[in-house]
């Protein structure tokens, strides 16, 4: 990430690691931009993170998954698979494997918004969405996708859901297609983040 923003101070922290956020904020100083590497708006970004930052002079940006450039990047990823495999787009199905939430509709809402935006850019046979924590669940949605299918994990990193839950669901559903890396780990991800941070500097807003 730092290589995409030469001259910037770029730090990172997780909410789960004790003291990590405080250390990163101290290093960044007053007026820092905070970029949530989350896929959707929800309890973590709206409540947990902001509560931790309530005494800090920082500006919190929208999470990665809501970036308007993400659907185009995903469309390029899918197009690359179609070229490599020689699959016609109109005969290929895409399965978006996402987290979901058992406590809020916001996660599903943002995931479906991503799906709808992607559907306007990639004329595929079908785009399905399945979730880890709410219906429709991953395995249910992954059935009968056929051999010309692609699974795109709508996750920011290679955590347990990506390394365990998604492969297990795909195996249960006898998925025959291509499993991509999570969209937060693809080569274009740092470019998306860097562009959002530069735009935030050019168009300052409230914290």
Protein backbone atom coordinates (compact mmCIF):
# COMPACT_ATOMS: atom_id res chain seq x y z
CA UNK A 1 0.00 0.00 0.00
CA UNK A 2 2.78 2.43 0.87
CA UNK A 3 4.28 2.00 -2.61
CA UNK A 4 1.02 3.32 -4.11
CA UNK A 5 1.29 6.50 -2.01
CA UNK A 6 4.90 7.70 -2.18
CA UNK A 7 5.64 10.38 0.38
CA UNK A 8 2.70 9.41 2.59
CA UNK A 9 2.85 7.94 6.07
CA UNK A 10 0.80 4.74 5.83
CA UNK A 11 0.07 2.74 8.96
CA UNK A 12 -2.28 -0.13 9.74
CA UNK A 13 -4.04 -1.58 12.76
CA UNK A 14 -6.78 -4.05 13.62
CA UNK A 15 -9.45 -3.48 16.23
CA UNK A 16 -8.87 -6.98 17.60
CA UNK A 17 -5.22 -6.42 18.60
CA UNK A 18 -4.98 -4.58 21.89
CA UNK A 19 -3.20 -1.24 21.61
CA UNK A 20 -2.62 -1.48 17.86
CA UNK A 21 -5.08 1.25 16.90
CA UNK A 22 -3.78 3.66 19.55
CA UNK A 23 -0.20 3.12 18.38
CA UNK A 24 -1.09 3.65 14.73
CA UNK A 25 -3.03 6.83 15.52
CA UNK A 26 -0.16 8.21 17.58
CA UNK A 27 2.22 7.57 14.69
CA UNK A 28 -0.17 9.18 12.18
CA UNK A 29 -0.82 12.32 14.19
CA UNK A 30 -3.75 14.73 14.23
CA UNK A 31 -5.86 15.04 11.09
CA UNK A 32 -5.10 11.55 9.81
CA UNK A 33 -7.35 9.80 7.33
CA UNK A 34 -8.76 6.48 8.55
CA UNK A 35 -9.62 4.04 5.77
CA UNK A 36 -11.67 1.04 7.00
CA UNK A 37 -10.61 -2.10 5.16
CA UNK A 38 -14.10 -3.52 5.47
CA UNK A 39 -16.47 -4.55 2.71
CA UNK A 40 -19.67 -2.95 3.97
CA UNK A 41 -21.01 -0.31 6.31
CA UNK A 42 -22.20 -1.89 9.50
CA UNK A 43 -21.72 -2.16 13.22
CA UNK A 44 -17.90 -2.22 13.05
CA UNK A 45 -17.54 0.86 10.85
CA UNK A 46 -20.44 2.92 12.16
CA UNK A 47 -20.24 2.12 15.86
CA UNK A 48 -17.21 0.14 17.03
CA UNK A 49 -14.60 2.01 15.02
CA UNK A 50 -16.09 5.46 15.53
CA UNK A 51 -16.42 4.83 19.26
CA UNK A 52 -12.70 4.04 19.40
CA UNK A 53 -11.95 7.21 17.45
CA UNK A 54 -14.35 9.54 19.28
CA UNK A 55 -11.54 11.43 21.04
CA UNK A 56 -9.28 11.63 17.99
CA UNK A 57 -9.00 14.35 15.38
CA UNK A 58 -9.24 12.07 12.35
CA UNK A 59 -11.43 11.68 9.30
CA UNK A 60 -13.08 8.31 8.68
CA UNK A 61 -13.64 7.43 5.03
CA UNK A 62 -16.19 4.99 3.54
CA UNK A 63 -15.07 1.34 3.67
CA UNK A 64 -13.25 -0.38 0.81
CA UNK A 65 -16.24 -2.43 -0.30
CA UNK A 66 -18.29 0.65 -1.05
CA UNK A 67 -15.70 2.27 -3.30
CA UNK A 68 -17.34 3.19 -6.64
CA UNK A 69 -14.29 1.86 -8.50
CA UNK A 70 -14.68 -1.67 -7.14
CA UNK A 71 -17.30 -2.99 -9.62
CA UNK A 72 -15.15 -1.98 -12.60
CA UNK A 73 -12.12 -3.71 -11.09
CA UNK A 74 -14.20 -6.83 -10.48
CA UNK A 75 -15.50 -6.71 -14.05
CA UNK A 76 -11.90 -6.65 -15.29
CA UNK A 77 -11.06 -9.66 -13.10
CA UNK A 78 -13.99 -11.61 -14.48
CA UNK A 79 -13.13 -10.60 -18.04
CA UNK A 80 -9.61 -11.92 -17.48
CA UNK A 81 -10.95 -15.33 -16.45
CA UNK A 82 -13.25 -15.41 -19.47
CA UNK A 83 -10.32 -14.69 -21.79
CA UNK A 84 -8.10 -17.30 -20.15
CA UNK A 85 -10.78 -19.98 -20.22
CA UNK A 86 -12.36 -19.03 -23.52
CA UNK A 87 -15.78 -18.85 -21.87
CA UNK A 88 -18.57 -16.74 -23.40
CA UNK A 89 -19.78 -14.16 -20.86
CA UNK A 90 -23.44 -14.94 -21.50
CA UNK A 91 -22.83 -18.60 -20.64
CA UNK A 92 -20.87 -17.91 -17.43
CA UNK A 93 -22.24 -17.54 -13.91
CA UNK A 94 -20.64 -15.53 -11.13
CA UNK A 95 -21.04 -16.35 -7.46
CA UNK A 96 -20.25 -13.56 -4.99
CA UNK A 97 -19.39 -15.15 -1.64
CA UNK A 98 -19.85 -12.55 1.10
CA UNK A 99 -19.96 -12.26 4.87
CA UNK A 100 -23.45 -10.96 5.60
CA UNK A 101 -24.63 -10.17 9.10
CA UNK A 102 -26.95 -11.73 11.60
CA UNK A 103 -27.60 -8.40 13.30
CA UNK A 104 -28.04 -5.83 10.54
CA UNK A 105 -29.37 -5.69 6.95
CA UNK A 106 -26.65 -3.23 5.95
CA UNK A 107 -24.06 -5.85 4.98
CA UNK A 108 -26.41 -7.59 2.56
CA UNK A 109 -27.58 -4.23 1.24
CA UNK A 110 -24.07 -3.10 0.34
CA UNK A 111 -23.19 -6.49 -1.15
CA UNK A 112 -26.26 -6.43 -3.37
CA UNK A 113 -25.43 -2.87 -4.42
CA UNK A 114 -22.00 -4.12 -5.53
CA UNK A 115 -23.66 -7.02 -7.37
CA UNK A 116 -26.07 -4.68 -9.16
CA UNK A 117 -23.28 -2.30 -10.22
CA UNK A 118 -21.17 -5.21 -11.46
CA UNK A 119 -24.12 -6.63 -13.41
CA UNK A 120 -24.27 -3.41 -15.43
CA UNK A 121 -20.63 -3.88 -16.47
CA UNK A 122 -20.43 -7.66 -17.01
CA UNK A 123 -23.14 -9.24 -19.14
CA UNK A 124 -23.04 -12.65 -17.50
CA UNK A 125 -25.64 -15.41 -17.51
CA UNK A 126 -26.26 -14.90 -13.79
CA UNK A 127 -24.75 -13.29 -10.71
CA UNK A 128 -25.64 -14.95 -7.40
CA UNK A 129 -24.85 -13.82 -3.87
CA UNK A 130 -24.43 -16.08 -0.83
CA UNK A 131 -23.49 -15.27 2.74
CA UNK A 132 -21.62 -16.81 5.66
CA UNK A 133 -23.82 -15.37 8.43
CA UNK A 134 -27.29 -14.98 6.90
CA UNK A 135 -29.50 -16.54 4.23
CA UNK A 136 -29.15 -17.24 1.42
CA UNK A 137 -26.14 -19.17 2.66
CA UNK A 138 -23.01 -19.94 0.67
CA UNK A 139 -23.58 -23.63 -0.05
CA UNK A 140 -27.22 -23.12 -1.02
CA UNK A 141 -26.31 -20.49 -3.61
CA UNK A 142 -23.30 -22.38 -4.98
CA UNK A 143 -25.31 -25.41 -6.13
CA UNK A 144 -25.85 -25.99 -9.86
CA UNK A 145 -23.62 -23.18 -11.07
CA UNK A 146 -22.07 -25.42 -13.69
CA UNK A 147 -18.50 -25.74 -14.91
CA UNK A 148 -18.40 -22.28 -16.51
CA UNK A 149 -18.66 -20.41 -13.24
CA UNK A 150 -16.55 -18.09 -11.12
CA UNK A 151 -16.57 -17.52 -7.37
CA UNK A 152 -15.49 -14.07 -6.20
CA UNK A 153 -15.02 -13.75 -2.42
CA UNK A 154 -16.32 -10.32 -1.37
CA UNK A 155 -13.79 -10.06 1.45
CA UNK A 156 -10.95 -7.70 2.22
CA UNK A 157 -8.35 -10.29 3.26
CA UNK A 158 -7.44 -13.97 3.49
CA UNK A 159 -9.12 -14.68 6.82
CA UNK A 160 -10.83 -17.80 8.07
CA UNK A 161 -14.00 -17.25 6.07
CA UNK A 162 -11.98 -17.18 2.85
CA UNK A 163 -9.61 -20.03 3.68
CA UNK A 164 -12.15 -22.31 5.41
CA UNK A 165 -15.84 -21.39 5.08
CA UNK A 166 -15.92 -20.62 1.35
CA UNK A 167 -13.94 -23.71 0.21
CA UNK A 168 -16.05 -25.93 2.47
CA UNK A 169 -19.28 -24.50 1.04
CA UNK A 170 -18.02 -24.87 -2.52
CA UNK A 171 -17.01 -28.46 -1.87
CA UNK A 172 -20.42 -29.21 -0.40
CA UNK A 173 -22.08 -27.69 -3.44
CA UNK A 174 -19.74 -29.59 -5.80
CA UNK A 175 -18.61 -26.33 -7.35
CA UNK A 176 -16.71 -26.93 -10.61
CA UNK A 177 -15.67 -23.41 -11.52
CA UNK A 178 -12.83 -21.00 -10.75
CA UNK A 179 -12.26 -19.63 -7.25
CA UNK A 180 -10.65 -16.19 -7.27
CA UNK A 181 -8.68 -14.46 -4.54
CA UNK A 182 -10.73 -12.15 -2.30
CA UNK A 183 -11.32 -8.80 -3.94
CA UNK A 184 -9.29 -7.06 -1.23
CA UNK A 185 -6.18 -9.03 -2.23
CA UNK A 186 -6.13 -8.55 -6.00
CA UNK A 187 -3.32 -6.50 -7.60
CA UNK A 188 -5.60 -3.52 -8.27
CA UNK A 189 -6.70 -3.12 -4.65
CA UNK A 190 -3.90 -0.71 -3.59
CA UNK A 191 -4.72 1.51 -6.56
CA UNK A 192 -8.37 1.71 -5.45
CA UNK A 193 -7.39 2.61 -1.89
CA UNK A 194 -4.76 5.13 -2.96
CA UNK A 195 -7.22 6.87 -5.28
CA UNK A 196 -9.79 7.18 -2.49
CA UNK A 197 -7.21 8.65 -0.12
CA UNK A 198 -5.96 11.16 -2.69
CA UNK A 199 -9.52 12.20 -3.46
CA UNK A 200 -10.19 12.70 0.25
CA UNK A 201 -7.21 15.04 0.49
CA UNK A 202 -8.35 16.99 -2.57
CA UNK A 203 -11.94 17.27 -1.30
CA UNK A 204 -11.74 17.63 2.49
CA UNK A 205 -14.84 16.80 4.46
CA UNK A 206 -16.02 16.42 8.07
CA UNK A 207 -14.49 13.80 10.36
